[in-house]
């Protein structure tokens, strides 16, 4: 569920625990509530599974936003390892939008 903690903070978009083509529709529904230039935080901290569709869908979403969203990566180490493995296949796209480092509050550009 999308939420905003106050007027000066970005809206928070919550990624479901399992991210696939159907659950990504929930992410899109949350994003659709905000104008294109509204700052967003994509909170994937509780995501524990993503299909091969899930990560590219998040990348595509990030490409549609200005400014680029803040990204909070999964807390689950197995999920992060999977996403990092995907990163090795398409590093330039992933590095531009998603930071999977320990710096969980890094602004992605």
PDB file of N, CA and C in Angstrom:
ATOM      1  N   UNK A   1       0.843  -1.176   0.000  1.00  0.00           N
ATOM      2  CA  UNK A   1       0.000   0.000   0.000  1.00  0.00           C
ATOM      3  C   UNK A   1       0.890   1.241   0.000  1.00  0.00           C
ATOM      4  N   UNK A   2       0.618   2.153  -0.909  1.00  0.00           N
ATOM      5  CA  UNK A   2       1.379   3.397  -0.978  1.00  0.00           C
ATOM      6  C   UNK A   2       1.006   4.278   0.201  1.00  0.00           C
ATOM      7  N   UNK A   3       2.019   4.960   0.730  1.00  0.00           N
ATOM      8  CA  UNK A   3       1.732   5.862   1.837  1.00  0.00           C
ATOM      9  C   UNK A   3       2.755   6.984   1.845  1.00  0.00           C
ATOM     10  N   UNK A   4       2.377   8.082   2.422  1.00  0.00           N
ATOM     11  CA  UNK A   4       3.279   9.216   2.566  1.00  0.00           C
ATOM     12  C   UNK A   4       3.288   9.571   4.043  1.00  0.00           C
ATOM     13  N   UNK A   5       4.499   9.687   4.597  1.00  0.00           N
ATOM     14  CA  UNK A   5       4.602   9.974   6.023  1.00  0.00           C
ATOM     15  C   UNK A   5       4.424  11.454   6.315  1.00  0.00           C
ATOM     16  N   UNK A   6       4.868  12.326   5.422  1.00  0.00           N
ATOM     17  CA  UNK A   6       4.564  13.744   5.525  1.00  0.00           C
ATOM     18  C   UNK A   6       4.772  14.395   4.163  1.00  0.00           C
ATOM     19  N   UNK A   7       4.385  15.633   4.015  1.00  0.00           N
ATOM     20  CA  UNK A   7       4.401  16.323   2.726  1.00  0.00           C
ATOM     21  C   UNK A   7       5.795  16.432   2.132  1.00  0.00           C
ATOM     22  N   UNK A   8       6.858  16.467   2.944  1.00  0.00           N
ATOM     23  CA  UNK A   8       8.208  16.675   2.451  1.00  0.00           C
ATOM     24  C   UNK A   8       8.958  15.376   2.185  1.00  0.00           C
ATOM     25  N   UNK A   9       8.355  14.265   2.491  1.00  0.00           N
ATOM     26  CA  UNK A   9       8.997  12.970   2.283  1.00  0.00           C
ATOM     27  C   UNK A   9       8.430  12.326   1.028  1.00  0.00           C
ATOM     28  N   UNK A  10       9.245  11.515   0.351  1.00  0.00           N
ATOM     29  CA  UNK A  10       8.721  10.821  -0.830  1.00  0.00           C
ATOM     30  C   UNK A  10       7.614   9.837  -0.446  1.00  0.00           C
ATOM     31  N   UNK A  11       6.726   9.602  -1.373  1.00  0.00           N
ATOM     32  CA  UNK A  11       5.712   8.572  -1.172  1.00  0.00           C
ATOM     33  C   UNK A  11       6.416   7.215  -1.136  1.00  0.00           C
ATOM     34  N   UNK A  12       5.922   6.315  -0.301  1.00  0.00           N
ATOM     35  CA  UNK A  12       6.523   4.985  -0.167  1.00  0.00           C
ATOM     36  C   UNK A  12       5.676   3.980  -0.936  1.00  0.00           C
ATOM     37  N   UNK A  13       6.326   3.288  -1.867  1.00  0.00           N
ATOM     38  CA  UNK A  13       5.685   2.248  -2.664  1.00  0.00           C
ATOM     39  C   UNK A  13       6.183   0.914  -2.120  1.00  0.00           C
ATOM     40  N   UNK A  14       5.278   0.092  -1.649  1.00  0.00           N
ATOM     41  CA  UNK A  14       5.651  -1.178  -1.023  1.00  0.00           C
ATOM     42  C   UNK A  14       5.644  -2.305  -2.050  1.00  0.00           C
ATOM     43  N   UNK A  15       6.774  -2.979  -2.176  1.00  0.00           N
ATOM     44  CA  UNK A  15       6.895  -4.132  -3.063  1.00  0.00           C
ATOM     45  C   UNK A  15       6.396  -5.356  -2.303  1.00  0.00           C
ATOM     46  N   UNK A  16       5.526  -6.169  -2.906  1.00  0.00           N
ATOM     47  CA  UNK A  16       5.031  -7.376  -2.229  1.00  0.00           C
ATOM     48  C   UNK A  16       6.169  -8.349  -1.885  1.00  0.00           C
ATOM     49  N   UNK A  17       5.916  -9.255  -0.971  1.00  0.00           N
ATOM     50  CA  UNK A  17       6.942 -10.231  -0.589  1.00  0.00           C
ATOM     51  C   UNK A  17       7.329 -11.130  -1.752  1.00  0.00           C
ATOM     52  N   UNK A  18       6.401 -11.390  -2.639  1.00  0.00           N
ATOM     53  CA  UNK A  18       6.671 -12.171  -3.840  1.00  0.00           C
ATOM     54  C   UNK A  18       6.359 -11.291  -5.045  1.00  0.00           C
ATOM     55  N   UNK A  19       7.361 -11.054  -5.874  1.00  0.00           N
ATOM     56  CA  UNK A  19       7.193 -10.140  -6.998  1.00  0.00           C
ATOM     57  C   UNK A  19       7.189 -10.911  -8.312  1.00  0.00           C
ATOM     58  N   UNK A  20       6.043 -10.917  -8.960  1.00  0.00           N
ATOM     59  CA  UNK A  20       5.903 -11.539 -10.276  1.00  0.00           C
ATOM     60  C   UNK A  20       5.018 -10.633 -11.126  1.00  0.00           C
ATOM     61  N   UNK A  21       4.602 -11.106 -12.289  1.00  0.00           N
ATOM     62  CA  UNK A  21       3.808 -10.246 -13.169  1.00  0.00           C
ATOM     63  C   UNK A  21       2.483  -9.835 -12.548  1.00  0.00           C
ATOM     64  N   UNK A  22       1.850 -10.701 -11.795  1.00  0.00           N
ATOM     65  CA  UNK A  22       0.565 -10.358 -11.177  1.00  0.00           C
ATOM     66  C   UNK A  22       0.750  -9.415  -9.986  1.00  0.00           C
ATOM     67  N   UNK A  23       1.692  -9.696  -9.111  1.00  0.00           N
ATOM     68  CA  UNK A  23       1.875  -8.828  -7.946  1.00  0.00           C
ATOM     69  C   UNK A  23       2.494  -7.486  -8.336  1.00  0.00           C
ATOM     70  N   UNK A  24       3.208  -7.441  -9.469  1.00  0.00           N
ATOM     71  CA  UNK A  24       3.744  -6.158  -9.921  1.00  0.00           C
ATOM     72  C   UNK A  24       2.617  -5.190 -10.248  1.00  0.00           C
ATOM     73  N   UNK A  25       1.453  -5.708 -10.602  1.00  0.00           N
ATOM     74  CA  UNK A  25       0.294  -4.848 -10.843  1.00  0.00           C
ATOM     75  C   UNK A  25      -0.054  -4.054  -9.583  1.00  0.00           C
ATOM     76  N   UNK A  26       0.179  -4.639  -8.416  1.00  0.00           N
ATOM     77  CA  UNK A  26      -0.041  -3.920  -7.154  1.00  0.00           C
ATOM     78  C   UNK A  26       0.921  -2.741  -7.024  1.00  0.00           C
ATOM     79  N   UNK A  27       2.156  -2.946  -7.446  1.00  0.00           N
ATOM     80  CA  UNK A  27       3.150  -1.874  -7.412  1.00  0.00           C
ATOM     81  C   UNK A  27       2.709  -0.757  -8.364  1.00  0.00           C
ATOM     82  N   UNK A  28       2.308  -1.139  -9.574  1.00  0.00           N
ATOM     83  CA  UNK A  28       1.864  -0.132 -10.542  1.00  0.00           C
ATOM     84  C   UNK A  28       0.652   0.647 -10.045  1.00  0.00           C
ATOM     85  N   UNK A  29      -0.267  -0.034  -9.388  1.00  0.00           N
ATOM     86  CA  UNK A  29      -1.455   0.648  -8.852  1.00  0.00           C
ATOM     87  C   UNK A  29      -1.052   1.692  -7.812  1.00  0.00           C
ATOM     88  N   UNK A  30      -0.045   1.379  -7.010  1.00  0.00           N
ATOM     89  CA  UNK A  30       0.431   2.345  -6.015  1.00  0.00           C
ATOM     90  C   UNK A  30       1.087   3.546  -6.696  1.00  0.00           C
ATOM     91  N   UNK A  31       1.932   3.274  -7.684  1.00  0.00           N
ATOM     92  CA  UNK A  31       2.649   4.341  -8.386  1.00  0.00           C
ATOM     93  C   UNK A  31       1.678   5.245  -9.129  1.00  0.00           C
ATOM     94  N   UNK A  32       0.621   4.676  -9.666  1.00  0.00           N
ATOM     95  CA  UNK A  32      -0.353   5.441 -10.457  1.00  0.00           C
ATOM     96  C   UNK A  32      -1.037   6.538  -9.644  1.00  0.00           C
ATOM     97  N   UNK A  33      -0.966   6.461  -8.340  1.00  0.00           N
ATOM     98  CA  UNK A  33      -1.584   7.465  -7.476  1.00  0.00           C
ATOM     99  C   UNK A  33      -0.819   8.786  -7.457  1.00  0.00           C
ATOM    100  N   UNK A  34       0.405   8.801  -8.005  1.00  0.00           N
ATOM    101  CA  UNK A  34       1.271   9.966  -7.896  1.00  0.00           C
ATOM    102  C   UNK A  34       1.678  10.484  -9.266  1.00  0.00           C
ATOM    103  N   UNK A  35       1.827  11.808  -9.371  1.00  0.00           N
ATOM    104  CA  UNK A  35       2.292  12.382 -10.640  1.00  0.00           C
ATOM    105  C   UNK A  35       3.694  11.881 -10.989  1.00  0.00           C
ATOM    106  N   UNK A  36       4.035  11.973 -12.266  1.00  0.00           N
ATOM    107  CA  UNK A  36       5.319  11.493 -12.775  1.00  0.00           C
ATOM    108  C   UNK A  36       6.515  12.107 -12.048  1.00  0.00           C
ATOM    109  N   UNK A  37       6.399  13.360 -11.637  1.00  0.00           N
ATOM    110  CA  UNK A  37       7.528  14.040 -11.003  1.00  0.00           C
ATOM    111  C   UNK A  37       7.518  13.961  -9.473  1.00  0.00           C
ATOM    112  N   UNK A  38       6.588  13.199  -8.928  1.00  0.00           N
ATOM    113  CA  UNK A  38       6.514  13.011  -7.465  1.00  0.00           C
ATOM    114  C   UNK A  38       7.656  12.102  -7.010  1.00  0.00           C
ATOM    115  N   UNK A  39       8.462  12.520  -6.016  1.00  0.00           N
ATOM    116  CA  UNK A  39       9.518  11.646  -5.496  1.00  0.00           C
ATOM    117  C   UNK A  39       8.910  10.388  -4.850  1.00  0.00           C
ATOM    118  N   UNK A  40       9.515   9.241  -5.138  1.00  0.00           N
ATOM    119  CA  UNK A  40       9.037   7.968  -4.602  1.00  0.00           C
ATOM    120  C   UNK A  40      10.173   7.220  -3.925  1.00  0.00           C
ATOM    121  N   UNK A  41       9.800   6.409  -2.953  1.00  0.00           N
ATOM    122  CA  UNK A  41      10.704   5.425  -2.371  1.00  0.00           C
ATOM    123  C   UNK A  41      10.104   4.062  -2.679  1.00  0.00           C
ATOM    124  N   UNK A  42      10.879   3.207  -3.346  1.00  0.00           N
ATOM    125  CA  UNK A  42      10.446   1.842  -3.635  1.00  0.00           C
ATOM    126  C   UNK A  42      10.997   0.962  -2.516  1.00  0.00           C
ATOM    127  N   UNK A  43      10.102   0.470  -1.667  1.00  0.00           N
ATOM    128  CA  UNK A  43      10.486  -0.306  -0.487  1.00  0.00           C
ATOM    129  C   UNK A  43      10.339  -1.795  -0.773  1.00  0.00           C
ATOM    130  N   UNK A  44      11.483  -2.428  -1.077  1.00  0.00           N
ATOM    131  CA  UNK A  44      11.497  -3.868  -1.353  1.00  0.00           C
ATOM    132  C   UNK A  44      12.124  -4.646  -0.197  1.00  0.00           C
ATOM    133  N   UNK A  45      12.207  -4.024   0.960  1.00  0.00           N
ATOM    134  CA  UNK A  45      12.884  -4.677   2.095  1.00  0.00           C
ATOM    135  C   UNK A  45      12.278  -6.011   2.473  1.00  0.00           C
ATOM    136  N   UNK A  46      10.991  -6.184   2.280  1.00  0.00           N
ATOM    137  CA  UNK A  46      10.336  -7.428   2.703  1.00  0.00           C
ATOM    138  C   UNK A  46      10.098  -8.385   1.542  1.00  0.00           C
ATOM    139  N   UNK A  47      10.620  -8.060   0.384  1.00  0.00           N
ATOM    140  CA  UNK A  47      10.501  -8.946  -0.772  1.00  0.00           C
ATOM    141  C   UNK A  47      11.466 -10.116  -0.579  1.00  0.00           C
ATOM    142  N   UNK A  48      10.958 -11.322  -0.679  1.00  0.00           N
ATOM    143  CA  UNK A  48      11.792 -12.513  -0.499  1.00  0.00           C
ATOM    144  C   UNK A  48      11.870 -13.364  -1.752  1.00  0.00           C
ATOM    145  N   UNK A  49      11.099 -13.016  -2.765  1.00  0.00           N
ATOM    146  CA  UNK A  49      11.103 -13.794  -4.003  1.00  0.00           C
ATOM    147  C   UNK A  49      10.736 -12.874  -5.162  1.00  0.00           C
ATOM    148  N   UNK A  50      11.433 -13.051  -6.265  1.00  0.00           N
ATOM    149  CA  UNK A  50      11.081 -12.324  -7.481  1.00  0.00           C
ATOM    150  C   UNK A  50      11.315 -13.241  -8.669  1.00  0.00           C
ATOM    151  N   UNK A  51      10.354 -13.286  -9.543  1.00  0.00           N
ATOM    152  CA  UNK A  51      10.531 -14.056 -10.773  1.00  0.00           C
ATOM    153  C   UNK A  51      11.483 -13.302 -11.686  1.00  0.00           C
ATOM    154  N   UNK A  52      11.822 -13.914 -12.793  1.00  0.00           N
ATOM    155  CA  UNK A  52      12.675 -13.248 -13.781  1.00  0.00           C
ATOM    156  C   UNK A  52      12.000 -11.992 -14.315  1.00  0.00           C
ATOM    157  N   UNK A  53      10.698 -11.890 -14.139  1.00  0.00           N
ATOM    158  CA  UNK A  53       9.946 -10.706 -14.554  1.00  0.00           C
ATOM    159  C   UNK A  53      10.070  -9.570 -13.538  1.00  0.00           C
ATOM    160  N   UNK A  54      10.175  -9.896 -12.267  1.00  0.00           N
ATOM    161  CA  UNK A  54      10.088  -8.898 -11.212  1.00  0.00           C
ATOM    162  C   UNK A  54      11.151  -7.825 -11.250  1.00  0.00           C
ATOM    163  N   UNK A  55      12.415  -8.207 -11.333  1.00  0.00           N
ATOM    164  CA  UNK A  55      13.488  -7.219 -11.330  1.00  0.00           C
ATOM    165  C   UNK A  55      13.463  -6.335 -12.576  1.00  0.00           C
ATOM    166  N   UNK A  56      13.332  -6.897 -13.784  1.00  0.00           N
ATOM    167  CA  UNK A  56      13.237  -6.018 -14.959  1.00  0.00           C
ATOM    168  C   UNK A  56      12.028  -5.074 -14.892  1.00  0.00           C
ATOM    169  N   UNK A  57      10.953  -5.524 -14.276  1.00  0.00           N
ATOM    170  CA  UNK A  57       9.784  -4.650 -14.139  1.00  0.00           C
ATOM    171  C   UNK A  57      10.099  -3.461 -13.238  1.00  0.00           C
ATOM    172  N   UNK A  58      10.837  -3.702 -12.141  1.00  0.00           N
ATOM    173  CA  UNK A  58      11.248  -2.588 -11.276  1.00  0.00           C
ATOM    174  C   UNK A  58      12.182  -1.630 -12.024  1.00  0.00           C
ATOM    175  N   UNK A  59      13.066  -2.187 -12.847  1.00  0.00           N
ATOM    176  CA  UNK A  59      13.960  -1.348 -13.636  1.00  0.00           C
ATOM    177  C   UNK A  59      13.165  -0.474 -14.601  1.00  0.00           C
ATOM    178  N   UNK A  60      12.211  -1.083 -15.263  1.00  0.00           N
ATOM    179  CA  UNK A  60      11.382  -0.326 -16.204  1.00  0.00           C
ATOM    180  C   UNK A  60      10.612   0.772 -15.473  1.00  0.00           C
ATOM    181  N   UNK A  61      10.100   0.457 -14.313  1.00  0.00           N
ATOM    182  CA  UNK A  61       9.389   1.453 -13.510  1.00  0.00           C
ATOM    183  C   UNK A  61      10.308   2.627 -13.177  1.00  0.00           C
ATOM    184  N   UNK A  62      11.526   2.331 -12.757  1.00  0.00           N
ATOM    185  CA  UNK A  62      12.473   3.393 -12.404  1.00  0.00           C
ATOM    186  C   UNK A  62      12.757   4.293 -13.602  1.00  0.00           C
ATOM    187  N   UNK A  63      12.792   3.709 -14.789  1.00  0.00           N
ATOM    188  CA  UNK A  63      13.068   4.494 -15.993  1.00  0.00           C
ATOM    189  C   UNK A  63      11.953   5.480 -16.312  1.00  0.00           C
ATOM    190  N   UNK A  64      10.772   5.256 -15.782  1.00  0.00           N
ATOM    191  CA  UNK A  64       9.641   6.132 -16.099  1.00  0.00           C
ATOM    192  C   UNK A  64       9.512   7.308 -15.148  1.00  0.00           C
ATOM    193  N   UNK A  65      10.335   7.353 -14.119  1.00  0.00           N
ATOM    194  CA  UNK A  65      10.172   8.367 -13.081  1.00  0.00           C
ATOM    195  C   UNK A  65      11.252   9.444 -13.154  1.00  0.00           C
ATOM    196  N   UNK A  66      10.850  10.659 -12.848  1.00  0.00           N
ATOM    197  CA  UNK A  66      11.795  11.771 -12.715  1.00  0.00           C
ATOM    198  C   UNK A  66      11.326  12.602 -11.530  1.00  0.00           C
ATOM    199  N   UNK A  67      12.049  12.636 -10.456  1.00  0.00           N
ATOM    200  CA  UNK A  67      13.374  12.059 -10.246  1.00  0.00           C
ATOM    201  C   UNK A  67      13.309  10.535 -10.065  1.00  0.00           C
ATOM    202  N   UNK A  68      14.468   9.901 -10.232  1.00  0.00           N
ATOM    203  CA  UNK A  68      14.538   8.453 -10.040  1.00  0.00           C
ATOM    204  C   UNK A  68      14.186   8.119  -8.597  1.00  0.00           C
ATOM    205  N   UNK A  69      13.490   6.999  -8.385  1.00  0.00           N
ATOM    206  CA  UNK A  69      13.083   6.641  -7.021  1.00  0.00           C
ATOM    207  C   UNK A  69      14.254   6.267  -6.118  1.00  0.00           C
ATOM    208  N   UNK A  70      14.050   6.493  -4.846  1.00  0.00           N
ATOM    209  CA  UNK A  70      14.931   5.953  -3.818  1.00  0.00           C
ATOM    210  C   UNK A  70      14.568   4.475  -3.733  1.00  0.00           C
ATOM    211  N   UNK A  71      15.541   3.600  -3.597  1.00  0.00           N
ATOM    212  CA  UNK A  71      15.278   2.164  -3.583  1.00  0.00           C
ATOM    213  C   UNK A  71      15.804   1.550  -2.301  1.00  0.00           C
ATOM    214  N   UNK A  72      14.926   0.851  -1.576  1.00  0.00           N
ATOM    215  CA  UNK A  72      15.321   0.113  -0.379  1.00  0.00           C
ATOM    216  C   UNK A  72      15.349  -1.364  -0.758  1.00  0.00           C
ATOM    217  N   UNK A  73      16.546  -1.958  -0.903  1.00  0.00           N
ATOM    218  CA  UNK A  73      16.661  -3.338  -1.375  1.00  0.00           C
ATOM    219  C   UNK A  73      16.176  -4.351  -0.347  1.00  0.00           C
ATOM    220  N   UNK A  74      15.965  -5.577  -0.799  1.00  0.00           N
ATOM    221  CA  UNK A  74      15.508  -6.624   0.123  1.00  0.00           C
ATOM    222  C   UNK A  74      16.464  -6.825   1.292  1.00  0.00           C
ATOM    223  N   UNK A  75      15.888  -7.160   2.437  1.00  0.00           N
ATOM    224  CA  UNK A  75      16.691  -7.478   3.618  1.00  0.00           C
ATOM    225  C   UNK A  75      17.154  -8.926   3.587  1.00  0.00           C
ATOM    226  N   UNK A  76      16.432  -9.785   2.869  1.00  0.00           N
ATOM    227  CA  UNK A  76      16.763 -11.200   2.785  1.00  0.00           C
ATOM    228  C   UNK A  76      18.023 -11.383   1.936  1.00  0.00           C
ATOM    229  N   UNK A  77      19.065 -11.976   2.513  1.00  0.00           N
ATOM    230  CA  UNK A  77      20.348 -12.099   1.816  1.00  0.00           C
ATOM    231  C   UNK A  77      20.249 -12.975   0.565  1.00  0.00           C
ATOM    232  N   UNK A  78      19.422 -14.010   0.579  1.00  0.00           N
ATOM    233  CA  UNK A  78      19.251 -14.848  -0.606  1.00  0.00           C
ATOM    234  C   UNK A  78      18.637 -14.063  -1.758  1.00  0.00           C
ATOM    235  N   UNK A  79      17.670 -13.221  -1.439  1.00  0.00           N
ATOM    236  CA  UNK A  79      17.037 -12.395  -2.468  1.00  0.00           C
ATOM    237  C   UNK A  79      18.043 -11.414  -3.039  1.00  0.00           C
ATOM    238  N   UNK A  80      18.839 -10.794  -2.182  1.00  0.00           N
ATOM    239  CA  UNK A  80      19.857  -9.847  -2.649  1.00  0.00           C
ATOM    240  C   UNK A  80      20.865 -10.566  -3.541  1.00  0.00           C
ATOM    241  N   UNK A  81      21.297 -11.768  -3.164  1.00  0.00           N
ATOM    242  CA  UNK A  81      22.244 -12.527  -3.989  1.00  0.00           C
ATOM    243  C   UNK A  81      21.652 -12.819  -5.368  1.00  0.00           C
ATOM    244  N   UNK A  82      20.370 -13.189  -5.401  1.00  0.00           N
ATOM    245  CA  UNK A  82      19.711 -13.441  -6.692  1.00  0.00           C
ATOM    246  C   UNK A  82      19.688 -12.167  -7.530  1.00  0.00           C
ATOM    247  N   UNK A  83      19.316 -11.047  -6.915  1.00  0.00           N
ATOM    248  CA  UNK A  83      19.254  -9.790  -7.656  1.00  0.00           C
ATOM    249  C   UNK A  83      20.647  -9.351  -8.105  1.00  0.00           C
ATOM    250  N   UNK A  84      21.667  -9.613  -7.276  1.00  0.00           N
ATOM    251  CA  UNK A  84      23.031  -9.296  -7.682  1.00  0.00           C
ATOM    252  C   UNK A  84      23.472 -10.165  -8.850  1.00  0.00           C
ATOM    253  N   UNK A  85      23.056 -11.438  -8.852  1.00  0.00           N
ATOM    254  CA  UNK A  85      23.372 -12.326  -9.982  1.00  0.00           C
ATOM    255  C   UNK A  85      22.727 -11.795 -11.257  1.00  0.00           C
ATOM    256  N   UNK A  86      21.504 -11.319 -11.147  1.00  0.00           N
ATOM    257  CA  UNK A  86      20.838 -10.703 -12.299  1.00  0.00           C
ATOM    258  C   UNK A  86      21.602  -9.450 -12.719  1.00  0.00           C
ATOM    259  N   UNK A  87      22.142  -8.729 -11.752  1.00  0.00           N
ATOM    260  CA  UNK A  87      22.912  -7.526 -12.017  1.00  0.00           C
ATOM    261  C   UNK A  87      24.128  -7.846 -12.881  1.00  0.00           C
ATOM    262  N   UNK A  88      24.761  -8.991 -12.657  1.00  0.00           N
ATOM    263  CA  UNK A  88      25.930  -9.361 -13.446  1.00  0.00           C
ATOM    264  C   UNK A  88      25.568  -9.583 -14.916  1.00  0.00           C
ATOM    265  N   UNK A  89      24.314  -9.920 -15.177  1.00  0.00           N
ATOM    266  CA  UNK A  89      23.876 -10.131 -16.562  1.00  0.00           C
ATOM    267  C   UNK A  89      23.555  -8.822 -17.276  1.00  0.00           C
ATOM    268  N   UNK A  90      23.046  -7.844 -16.539  1.00  0.00           N
ATOM    269  CA  UNK A  90      22.678  -6.555 -17.139  1.00  0.00           C
ATOM    270  C   UNK A  90      23.143  -5.422 -16.226  1.00  0.00           C
ATOM    271  N   UNK A  91      24.450  -5.328 -15.952  1.00  0.00           N
ATOM    272  CA  UNK A  91      24.935  -4.390 -14.934  1.00  0.00           C
ATOM    273  C   UNK A  91      24.642  -2.926 -15.223  1.00  0.00           C
ATOM    274  N   UNK A  92      24.755  -2.487 -16.453  1.00  0.00           N
ATOM    275  CA  UNK A  92      24.573  -1.065 -16.698  1.00  0.00           C
ATOM    276  C   UNK A  92      23.159  -0.613 -16.376  1.00  0.00           C
ATOM    277  N   UNK A  93      22.158  -1.402 -16.728  1.00  0.00           N
ATOM    278  CA  UNK A  93      20.774  -1.036 -16.415  1.00  0.00           C
ATOM    279  C   UNK A  93      20.537  -1.071 -14.916  1.00  0.00           C
ATOM    280  N   UNK A  94      20.973  -2.122 -14.256  1.00  0.00           N
ATOM    281  CA  UNK A  94      20.703  -2.272 -12.826  1.00  0.00           C
ATOM    282  C   UNK A  94      21.435  -1.206 -12.032  1.00  0.00           C
ATOM    283  N   UNK A  95      22.707  -1.002 -12.325  1.00  0.00           N
ATOM    284  CA  UNK A  95      23.486  -0.025 -11.564  1.00  0.00           C
ATOM    285  C   UNK A  95      22.936   1.383 -11.686  1.00  0.00           C
ATOM    286  N   UNK A  96      22.325   1.703 -12.820  1.00  0.00           N
ATOM    287  CA  UNK A  96      21.769   3.041 -12.986  1.00  0.00           C
ATOM    288  C   UNK A  96      20.593   3.290 -12.068  1.00  0.00           C
ATOM    289  N   UNK A  97      19.854   2.236 -11.697  1.00  0.00           N
ATOM    290  CA  UNK A  97      18.607   2.457 -10.985  1.00  0.00           C
ATOM    291  C   UNK A  97      18.519   1.823  -9.613  1.00  0.00           C
ATOM    292  N   UNK A  98      19.179   0.705  -9.391  1.00  0.00           N
ATOM    293  CA  UNK A  98      19.022   0.000  -8.129  1.00  0.00           C
ATOM    294  C   UNK A  98      20.373  -0.200  -7.465  1.00  0.00           C
ATOM    295  N   UNK A  99      20.474   0.236  -6.233  1.00  0.00           N
ATOM    296  CA  UNK A  99      21.683   0.009  -5.462  1.00  0.00           C
ATOM    297  C   UNK A  99      21.428  -1.158  -4.523  1.00  0.00           C
ATOM    298  N   UNK A 100      22.204  -2.221  -4.652  1.00  0.00           N
ATOM    299  CA  UNK A 100      22.044  -3.378  -3.774  1.00  0.00           C
ATOM    300  C   UNK A 100      23.146  -3.427  -2.727  1.00  0.00           C
ATOM    301  N   UNK A 101      23.831  -2.312  -2.551  1.00  0.00           N
ATOM    302  CA  UNK A 101      24.912  -2.249  -1.559  1.00  0.00           C
ATOM    303  C   UNK A 101      24.340  -2.198  -0.157  1.00  0.00           C
ATOM    304  N   UNK A 102      25.229  -2.139   0.828  1.00  0.00           N
ATOM    305  CA  UNK A 102      24.800  -2.024   2.224  1.00  0.00           C
ATOM    306  C   UNK A 102      24.189  -0.660   2.518  1.00  0.00           C
ATOM    307  N   UNK A 103      24.444   0.313   1.658  1.00  0.00           N
ATOM    308  CA  UNK A 103      23.879   1.649   1.838  1.00  0.00           C
ATOM    309  C   UNK A 103      22.431   1.602   1.368  1.00  0.00           C
ATOM    310  N   UNK A 104      21.525   1.223   2.250  1.00  0.00           N
ATOM    311  CA  UNK A 104      20.132   0.983   1.896  1.00  0.00           C
ATOM    312  C   UNK A 104      19.331   2.237   1.616  1.00  0.00           C
ATOM    313  N   UNK A 105      19.885   3.400   1.844  1.00  0.00           N
ATOM    314  CA  UNK A 105      19.144   4.616   1.588  1.00  0.00           C
ATOM    315  C   UNK A 105      19.758   5.435   0.465  1.00  0.00           C
ATOM    316  N   UNK A 106      20.546   4.796  -0.383  1.00  0.00           N
ATOM    317  CA  UNK A 106      21.189   5.508  -1.467  1.00  0.00           C
ATOM    318  C   UNK A 106      20.159   5.926  -2.509  1.00  0.00           C
ATOM    319  N   UNK A 107      20.266   7.175  -2.942  1.00  0.00           N
ATOM    320  CA  UNK A 107      19.396   7.656  -4.001  1.00  0.00           C
ATOM    321  C   UNK A 107      19.900   7.066  -5.296  1.00  0.00           C
ATOM    322  N   UNK A 108      19.008   6.478  -6.071  1.00  0.00           N
ATOM    323  CA  UNK A 108      19.404   5.887  -7.337  1.00  0.00           C
ATOM    324  C   UNK A 108      19.210   6.885  -8.451  1.00  0.00           C
ATOM    325  N   UNK A 109      20.207   6.985  -9.323  1.00  0.00           N
ATOM    326  CA  UNK A 109      20.139   7.932 -10.436  1.00  0.00           C
ATOM    327  C   UNK A 109      20.517   7.264 -11.714  1.00  0.00           C
TER     328      UNK A 109
END
